[in-house]
Amino acid sequence: MFWFLNKQTNAPEIFGSISAICENTGLKPDNLYYHFSRMKRNEFENENFRIVKCKVKRISK
């Protein structure tokens, strides 16, 4: 899950995948996969967007 902030509009959104972010924003998936998968980072930020990778909290019974 990814918390996404559009810095131009100051509007936050939640996305379930990198491909969903790219489809809605025009960002290139290779850039995001590089930061979140290959570099193991939890945050990405540029002049237009801030993206934070979050863990989904679930209840286990």
PDB file of N, CA and C in Angstrom:
ATOM      1  N   MET A   1       0.852  -1.158   0.000  1.00  0.00           N
ATOM      2  CA  MET A   1       0.000   0.000   0.000  1.00  0.00           C
ATOM      3  C   MET A   1       0.904   1.229   0.000  1.00  0.00           C
ATOM      4  N   PHE A   2       0.474   2.260  -0.701  1.00  0.00           N
ATOM      5  CA  PHE A   2       1.259   3.479  -0.822  1.00  0.00           C
ATOM      6  C   PHE A   2       0.404   4.692  -0.496  1.00  0.00           C
ATOM      7  N   TRP A   3       0.925   5.542   0.379  1.00  0.00           N
ATOM      8  CA  TRP A   3       0.310   6.837   0.670  1.00  0.00           C
ATOM      9  C   TRP A   3       0.923   7.821  -0.306  1.00  0.00           C
ATOM     10  N   PHE A   4       0.080   8.573  -0.998  1.00  0.00           N
ATOM     11  CA  PHE A   4       0.518   9.441  -2.082  1.00  0.00           C
ATOM     12  C   PHE A   4       0.040  10.864  -1.816  1.00  0.00           C
ATOM     13  N   LEU A   5       0.933  11.840  -1.964  1.00  0.00           N
ATOM     14  CA  LEU A   5       0.565  13.243  -1.798  1.00  0.00           C
ATOM     15  C   LEU A   5       0.929  14.000  -3.059  1.00  0.00           C
ATOM     16  N   ASN A   6      -0.069  14.626  -3.671  1.00  0.00           N
ATOM     17  CA  ASN A   6       0.157  15.521  -4.796  1.00  0.00           C
ATOM     18  C   ASN A   6       0.473  16.885  -4.203  1.00  0.00           C
ATOM     19  N   LYS A   7       1.702  17.339  -4.348  1.00  0.00           N
ATOM     20  CA  LYS A   7       2.122  18.601  -3.740  1.00  0.00           C
ATOM     21  C   LYS A   7       1.486  19.819  -4.408  1.00  0.00           C
ATOM     22  N   GLN A   8       1.060  19.679  -5.654  1.00  0.00           N
ATOM     23  CA  GLN A   8       0.441  20.798  -6.359  1.00  0.00           C
ATOM     24  C   GLN A   8      -0.953  21.107  -5.795  1.00  0.00           C
ATOM     25  N   THR A   9      -1.713  20.052  -5.508  1.00  0.00           N
ATOM     26  CA  THR A   9      -3.083  20.223  -5.014  1.00  0.00           C
ATOM     27  C   THR A   9      -3.207  19.964  -3.519  1.00  0.00           C
ATOM     28  N   ASN A  10      -2.141  19.429  -2.908  1.00  0.00           N
ATOM     29  CA  ASN A  10      -2.128  19.067  -1.491  1.00  0.00           C
ATOM     30  C   ASN A  10      -3.199  18.013  -1.174  1.00  0.00           C
ATOM     31  N   ALA A  11      -3.463  17.143  -2.165  1.00  0.00           N
ATOM     32  CA  ALA A  11      -4.485  16.113  -2.014  1.00  0.00           C
ATOM     33  C   ALA A  11      -3.828  14.750  -1.784  1.00  0.00           C
ATOM     34  N   PRO A  12      -4.085  14.112  -0.631  1.00  0.00           N
ATOM     35  CA  PRO A  12      -3.538  12.777  -0.384  1.00  0.00           C
ATOM     36  C   PRO A  12      -4.434  11.696  -0.982  1.00  0.00           C
ATOM     37  N   GLU A  13      -3.830  10.563  -1.339  1.00  0.00           N
ATOM     38  CA  GLU A  13      -4.563   9.407  -1.849  1.00  0.00           C
ATOM     39  C   GLU A  13      -3.861   8.147  -1.357  1.00  0.00           C
ATOM     40  N   ILE A  14      -4.560   7.035  -1.409  1.00  0.00           N
ATOM     41  CA  ILE A  14      -4.003   5.728  -1.075  1.00  0.00           C
ATOM     42  C   ILE A  14      -4.058   4.869  -2.333  1.00  0.00           C
ATOM     43  N   PHE A  15      -2.929   4.230  -2.665  1.00  0.00           N
ATOM     44  CA  PHE A  15      -2.864   3.328  -3.810  1.00  0.00           C
ATOM     45  C   PHE A  15      -2.395   1.963  -3.334  1.00  0.00           C
ATOM     46  N   GLY A  16      -2.868   0.926  -4.003  1.00  0.00           N
ATOM     47  CA  GLY A  16      -2.503  -0.436  -3.632  1.00  0.00           C
ATOM     48  C   GLY A  16      -1.279  -0.969  -4.337  1.00  0.00           C
ATOM     49  N   SER A  17      -0.826  -0.285  -5.401  1.00  0.00           N
ATOM     50  CA  SER A  17       0.327  -0.788  -6.144  1.00  0.00           C
ATOM     51  C   SER A  17       1.029   0.340  -6.889  1.00  0.00           C
ATOM     52  N   ILE A  18       2.241   0.054  -7.306  1.00  0.00           N
ATOM     53  CA  ILE A  18       3.000   1.013  -8.107  1.00  0.00           C
ATOM     54  C   ILE A  18       2.330   1.225  -9.455  1.00  0.00           C
ATOM     55  N   SER A  19       1.798   0.167 -10.047  1.00  0.00           N
ATOM     56  CA  SER A  19       1.143   0.308 -11.349  1.00  0.00           C
ATOM     57  C   SER A  19      -0.085   1.213 -11.260  1.00  0.00           C
ATOM     58  N   ALA A  20      -0.809   1.177 -10.150  1.00  0.00           N
ATOM     59  CA  ALA A  20      -1.963   2.068  -9.966  1.00  0.00           C
ATOM     60  C   ALA A  20      -1.513   3.518  -9.850  1.00  0.00           C
ATOM     61  N   ILE A  21      -0.403   3.761  -9.164  1.00  0.00           N
ATOM     62  CA  ILE A  21       0.142   5.115  -9.057  1.00  0.00           C
ATOM     63  C   ILE A  21       0.505   5.631 -10.444  1.00  0.00           C
ATOM     64  N   CYS A  22       1.211   4.819 -11.212  1.00  0.00           N
ATOM     65  CA  CYS A  22       1.671   5.231 -12.539  1.00  0.00           C
ATOM     66  C   CYS A  22       0.508   5.494 -13.487  1.00  0.00           C
ATOM     67  N   GLU A  23      -0.517   4.680 -13.423  1.00  0.00           N
ATOM     68  CA  GLU A  23      -1.683   4.852 -14.289  1.00  0.00           C
ATOM     69  C   GLU A  23      -2.407   6.168 -14.001  1.00  0.00           C
ATOM     70  N   ASN A  24      -2.412   6.584 -12.761  1.00  0.00           N
ATOM     71  CA  ASN A  24      -3.143   7.789 -12.373  1.00  0.00           C
ATOM     72  C   ASN A  24      -2.307   9.061 -12.370  1.00  0.00           C
ATOM     73  N   THR A  25      -0.992   8.937 -12.415  1.00  0.00           N
ATOM     74  CA  THR A  25      -0.150  10.125 -12.303  1.00  0.00           C
ATOM     75  C   THR A  25       0.752  10.385 -13.498  1.00  0.00           C
ATOM     76  N   GLY A  26       1.017   9.376 -14.302  1.00  0.00           N
ATOM     77  CA  GLY A  26       1.938   9.536 -15.412  1.00  0.00           C
ATOM     78  C   GLY A  26       3.388   9.305 -15.046  1.00  0.00           C
ATOM     79  N   LEU A  27       3.666   8.937 -13.780  1.00  0.00           N
ATOM     80  CA  LEU A  27       5.033   8.601 -13.382  1.00  0.00           C
ATOM     81  C   LEU A  27       5.451   7.301 -14.066  1.00  0.00           C
ATOM     82  N   LYS A  28       6.737   7.140 -14.289  1.00  0.00           N
ATOM     83  CA  LYS A  28       7.253   5.929 -14.931  1.00  0.00           C
ATOM     84  C   LYS A  28       7.455   4.834 -13.887  1.00  0.00           C
ATOM     85  N   PRO A  29       6.953   3.624 -14.168  1.00  0.00           N
ATOM     86  CA  PRO A  29       7.071   2.547 -13.188  1.00  0.00           C
ATOM     87  C   PRO A  29       8.513   2.149 -12.894  1.00  0.00           C
ATOM     88  N   ASP A  30       9.397   2.221 -13.885  1.00  0.00           N
ATOM     89  CA  ASP A  30      10.794   1.828 -13.655  1.00  0.00           C
ATOM     90  C   ASP A  30      11.426   2.653 -12.541  1.00  0.00           C
ATOM     91  N   ASN A  31      11.129   3.936 -12.509  1.00  0.00           N
ATOM     92  CA  ASN A  31      11.689   4.824 -11.488  1.00  0.00           C
ATOM     93  C   ASN A  31      11.201   4.425 -10.096  1.00  0.00           C
ATOM     94  N   LEU A  32       9.910   4.160  -9.967  1.00  0.00           N
ATOM     95  CA  LEU A  32       9.358   3.789  -8.666  1.00  0.00           C
ATOM     96  C   LEU A  32       9.811   2.396  -8.226  1.00  0.00           C
ATOM     97  N   TYR A  33       9.846   1.428  -9.159  1.00  0.00           N
ATOM     98  CA  TYR A  33      10.339   0.093  -8.815  1.00  0.00           C
ATOM     99  C   TYR A  33      11.794   0.155  -8.374  1.00  0.00           C
ATOM    100  N   TYR A  34      12.575   1.016  -9.001  1.00  0.00           N
ATOM    101  CA  TYR A  34      13.982   1.171  -8.623  1.00  0.00           C
ATOM    102  C   TYR A  34      14.092   1.621  -7.161  1.00  0.00           C
ATOM    103  N   HIS A  35      13.317   2.634  -6.781  1.00  0.00           N
ATOM    104  CA  HIS A  35      13.400   3.163  -5.419  1.00  0.00           C
ATOM    105  C   HIS A  35      12.839   2.197  -4.381  1.00  0.00           C
ATOM    106  N   PHE A  36      11.664   1.626  -4.650  1.00  0.00           N
ATOM    107  CA  PHE A  36      10.996   0.817  -3.635  1.00  0.00           C
ATOM    108  C   PHE A  36      11.454  -0.641  -3.608  1.00  0.00           C
ATOM    109  N   SER A  37      11.801  -1.215  -4.739  1.00  0.00           N
ATOM    110  CA  SER A  37      12.202  -2.628  -4.767  1.00  0.00           C
ATOM    111  C   SER A  37      13.705  -2.802  -4.724  1.00  0.00           C
ATOM    112  N   ARG A  38      14.388  -2.198  -5.653  1.00  0.00           N
ATOM    113  CA  ARG A  38      15.834  -2.425  -5.750  1.00  0.00           C
ATOM    114  C   ARG A  38      16.611  -1.723  -4.647  1.00  0.00           C
ATOM    115  N   MET A  39      16.238  -0.489  -4.330  1.00  0.00           N
ATOM    116  CA  MET A  39      16.948   0.272  -3.298  1.00  0.00           C
ATOM    117  C   MET A  39      16.368   0.047  -1.899  1.00  0.00           C
ATOM    118  N   LYS A  40      15.216  -0.643  -1.797  1.00  0.00           N
ATOM    119  CA  LYS A  40      14.555  -0.972  -0.523  1.00  0.00           C
ATOM    120  C   LYS A  40      14.192   0.273   0.287  1.00  0.00           C
ATOM    121  N   ARG A  41      13.839   1.338  -0.395  1.00  0.00           N
ATOM    122  CA  ARG A  41      13.443   2.568   0.294  1.00  0.00           C
ATOM    123  C   ARG A  41      11.957   2.542   0.612  1.00  0.00           C
ATOM    124  N   ASN A  42      11.569   3.311   1.612  1.00  0.00           N
ATOM    125  CA  ASN A  42      10.165   3.394   2.001  1.00  0.00           C
ATOM    126  C   ASN A  42       9.508   4.688   1.551  1.00  0.00           C
ATOM    127  N   GLU A  43      10.317   5.627   1.013  1.00  0.00           N
ATOM    128  CA  GLU A  43       9.776   6.913   0.575  1.00  0.00           C
ATOM    129  C   GLU A  43      10.397   7.346  -0.736  1.00  0.00           C
ATOM    130  N   PHE A  44       9.600   8.053  -1.525  1.00  0.00           N
ATOM    131  CA  PHE A  44      10.062   8.679  -2.764  1.00  0.00           C
ATOM    132  C   PHE A  44       9.453  10.074  -2.802  1.00  0.00           C
ATOM    133  N   GLU A  45      10.268  11.047  -3.171  1.00  0.00           N
ATOM    134  CA  GLU A  45       9.766  12.418  -3.233  1.00  0.00           C
ATOM    135  C   GLU A  45      10.457  13.161  -4.369  1.00  0.00           C
ATOM    136  N   ASN A  46       9.661  13.930  -5.111  1.00  0.00           N
ATOM    137  CA  ASN A  46      10.197  14.858  -6.102  1.00  0.00           C
ATOM    138  C   ASN A  46       9.466  16.184  -5.931  1.00  0.00           C
ATOM    139  N   GLU A  47       9.603  17.088  -6.882  1.00  0.00           N
ATOM    140  CA  GLU A  47       8.992  18.410  -6.721  1.00  0.00           C
ATOM    141  C   GLU A  47       7.463  18.389  -6.791  1.00  0.00           C
ATOM    142  N   ASN A  48       6.877  17.316  -7.359  1.00  0.00           N
ATOM    143  CA  ASN A  48       5.419  17.250  -7.515  1.00  0.00           C
ATOM    144  C   ASN A  48       4.714  16.267  -6.590  1.00  0.00           C
ATOM    145  N   PHE A  49       5.410  15.197  -6.185  1.00  0.00           N
ATOM    146  CA  PHE A  49       4.759  14.123  -5.449  1.00  0.00           C
ATOM    147  C   PHE A  49       5.600  13.659  -4.270  1.00  0.00           C
ATOM    148  N   ARG A  50       4.924  13.112  -3.277  1.00  0.00           N
ATOM    149  CA  ARG A  50       5.572  12.400  -2.178  1.00  0.00           C
ATOM    150  C   ARG A  50       4.831  11.080  -2.027  1.00  0.00           C
ATOM    151  N   ILE A  51       5.586   9.984  -2.015  1.00  0.00           N
ATOM    152  CA  ILE A  51       5.004   8.652  -1.926  1.00  0.00           C
ATOM    153  C   ILE A  51       5.672   7.913  -0.774  1.00  0.00           C
ATOM    154  N   VAL A  52       4.861   7.337   0.098  1.00  0.00           N
ATOM    155  CA  VAL A  52       5.376   6.586   1.244  1.00  0.00           C
ATOM    156  C   VAL A  52       4.787   5.180   1.193  1.00  0.00           C
ATOM    157  N   LYS A  53       5.667   4.184   1.238  1.00  0.00           N
ATOM    158  CA  LYS A  53       5.232   2.791   1.259  1.00  0.00           C
ATOM    159  C   LYS A  53       4.819   2.441   2.677  1.00  0.00           C
ATOM    160  N   CYS A  54       3.612   1.902   2.838  1.00  0.00           N
ATOM    161  CA  CYS A  54       3.060   1.599   4.160  1.00  0.00           C
ATOM    162  C   CYS A  54       2.693   0.117   4.244  1.00  0.00           C
ATOM    163  N   LYS A  55       2.763  -0.409   5.433  1.00  0.00           N
ATOM    164  CA  LYS A  55       2.301  -1.776   5.660  1.00  0.00           C
ATOM    165  C   LYS A  55       0.811  -1.754   5.982  1.00  0.00           C
ATOM    166  N   VAL A  56       0.101  -2.748   5.508  1.00  0.00           N
ATOM    167  CA  VAL A  56      -1.313  -2.892   5.796  1.00  0.00           C
ATOM    168  C   VAL A  56      -1.436  -3.625   7.126  1.00  0.00           C
ATOM    169  N   LYS A  57      -2.194  -3.066   8.038  1.00  0.00           N
ATOM    170  CA  LYS A  57      -2.411  -3.730   9.331  1.00  0.00           C
ATOM    171  C   LYS A  57      -3.632  -4.626   9.223  1.00  0.00           C
ATOM    172  N   ARG A  58      -3.449  -5.880   9.639  1.00  0.00           N
ATOM    173  CA  ARG A  58      -4.511  -6.862   9.552  1.00  0.00           C
ATOM    174  C   ARG A  58      -4.675  -7.578  10.882  1.00  0.00           C
ATOM    175  N   ILE A  59      -5.840  -8.089  11.103  1.00  0.00           N
ATOM    176  CA  ILE A  59      -6.103  -8.874  12.304  1.00  0.00           C
ATOM    177  C   ILE A  59      -5.953 -10.342  11.949  1.00  0.00           C
ATOM    178  N   SER A  60      -5.230 -11.065  12.750  1.00  0.00           N
ATOM    179  CA  SER A  60      -5.116 -12.510  12.543  1.00  0.00           C
ATOM    180  C   SER A  60      -5.805 -13.214  13.698  1.00  0.00           C
ATOM    181  N   LYS A  61      -6.600 -14.202  13.363  1.00  0.00           N
ATOM    182  CA  LYS A  61      -7.348 -14.949  14.395  1.00  0.00           C
ATOM    183  C   LYS A  61      -6.898 -16.372  14.432  1.00  0.00           C
TER     184      LYS A  61
END
